[in-house]
Protein backbone atom coordinates (compact mmCIF):
# COMPACT_ATOMS: atom_id res chain seq x y z
CA UNK A 1 -17.54 6.24 37.24
CA UNK A 2 -15.24 8.43 39.30
CA UNK A 3 -14.75 7.66 42.98
CA UNK A 4 -15.95 10.27 45.46
CA UNK A 5 -13.04 12.05 47.17
CA UNK A 6 -14.69 13.23 50.38
CA UNK A 7 -16.26 10.08 51.83
CA UNK A 8 -15.53 9.16 55.44
CA UNK A 9 -15.43 5.61 56.71
CA UNK A 10 -18.62 6.07 58.71
CA UNK A 11 -20.45 7.44 55.65
CA UNK A 12 -19.33 4.42 53.64
CA UNK A 13 -20.53 2.08 56.42
CA UNK A 14 -23.95 3.78 56.42
CA UNK A 15 -24.17 3.40 52.65
CA UNK A 16 -23.26 -0.27 52.82
CA UNK A 17 -25.98 -0.84 55.42
CA UNK A 18 -28.47 -0.34 52.58
CA UNK A 19 -26.91 -3.39 50.90
CA UNK A 20 -27.36 -5.56 53.98
CA UNK A 21 -24.05 -4.99 55.75
CA UNK A 22 -24.13 -4.37 59.49
CA UNK A 23 -21.46 -3.02 61.80
CA UNK A 24 -20.52 -5.98 63.99
CA UNK A 25 -17.69 -4.41 65.97
CA UNK A 26 -15.30 -1.50 66.21
CA UNK A 27 -11.68 -1.80 67.26
CA UNK A 28 -9.93 1.53 67.60
CA UNK A 29 -10.60 3.50 64.43
CA UNK A 30 -11.66 0.49 62.31
CA UNK A 31 -15.20 -0.73 61.71
CA UNK A 32 -15.94 -4.38 60.93
CA UNK A 33 -18.99 -4.92 58.71
CA UNK A 34 -20.65 -8.26 58.00
CA UNK A 35 -23.15 -9.28 55.35
CA UNK A 36 -25.04 -12.52 55.70
CA UNK A 37 -26.54 -12.92 52.23
CA UNK A 38 -26.15 -15.49 50.71
CA UNK A 39 -22.81 -16.31 52.32
CA UNK A 40 -21.15 -14.38 55.12
CA UNK A 41 -18.78 -11.62 53.98
CA UNK A 42 -16.62 -9.43 56.25
CA UNK A 43 -14.95 -6.14 55.43
CA UNK A 44 -12.94 -3.76 57.58
CA UNK A 45 -13.27 -0.03 57.02
CA UNK A 46 -11.08 2.60 58.68
CA UNK A 47 -13.24 5.27 60.32
CA UNK A 48 -11.09 8.04 58.86
CA UNK A 49 -12.31 11.27 57.32
CA UNK A 50 -11.79 11.25 54.38
CA UNK A 51 -10.83 7.75 53.23
CA UNK A 52 -7.82 7.53 50.96
CA UNK A 53 -8.79 6.92 47.34
CA UNK A 54 -6.89 3.64 47.10
CA UNK A 55 -8.48 2.33 50.29
CA UNK A 56 -11.95 3.26 49.08
CA UNK A 57 -11.30 1.66 45.68
CA UNK A 58 -10.13 -1.59 47.29
CA UNK A 59 -13.15 -1.78 49.61
CA UNK A 60 -15.61 -1.08 46.79
CA UNK A 61 -13.93 -3.66 44.52
CA UNK A 62 -14.20 -6.28 47.27
CA UNK A 63 -17.87 -5.51 47.97
CA UNK A 64 -18.75 -5.39 44.27
CA UNK A 65 -17.15 -8.82 43.72
CA UNK A 66 -19.14 -10.27 46.61
CA UNK A 67 -22.39 -8.69 45.40
CA UNK A 68 -21.63 -9.84 41.81
CA UNK A 69 -21.90 -6.37 40.31
CA UNK A 70 -19.48 -3.96 38.73
CA UNK A 71 -17.79 -1.32 40.85
CA UNK A 72 -19.48 1.42 38.80
CA UNK A 73 -22.92 -0.08 39.51
CA UNK A 74 -22.07 -0.23 43.21
CA UNK A 75 -20.99 3.44 43.23
CA UNK A 76 -24.25 4.43 41.50
CA UNK A 77 -26.28 2.48 44.05
CA UNK A 78 -24.47 3.98 47.01
CA UNK A 79 -24.24 7.61 45.90
CA UNK A 80 -26.56 7.91 42.90
């Protein structure tokens, strides 16, 4: 599935909140999200608008690996 090209960092963070991630802190223009299920997982997302495609791809790949799903399934769950 094709990556969205117009997603901001804050929109991505809101989407990941549906998967159990919570914003734990913000330093400058970067958000730190943490998921506690079943083991703790941390990701850092730049709060830029829009996110660069490579940055978005890397974040989604990392989250998909932690959630044990494919990146395409994660994209469908986040943005239908």
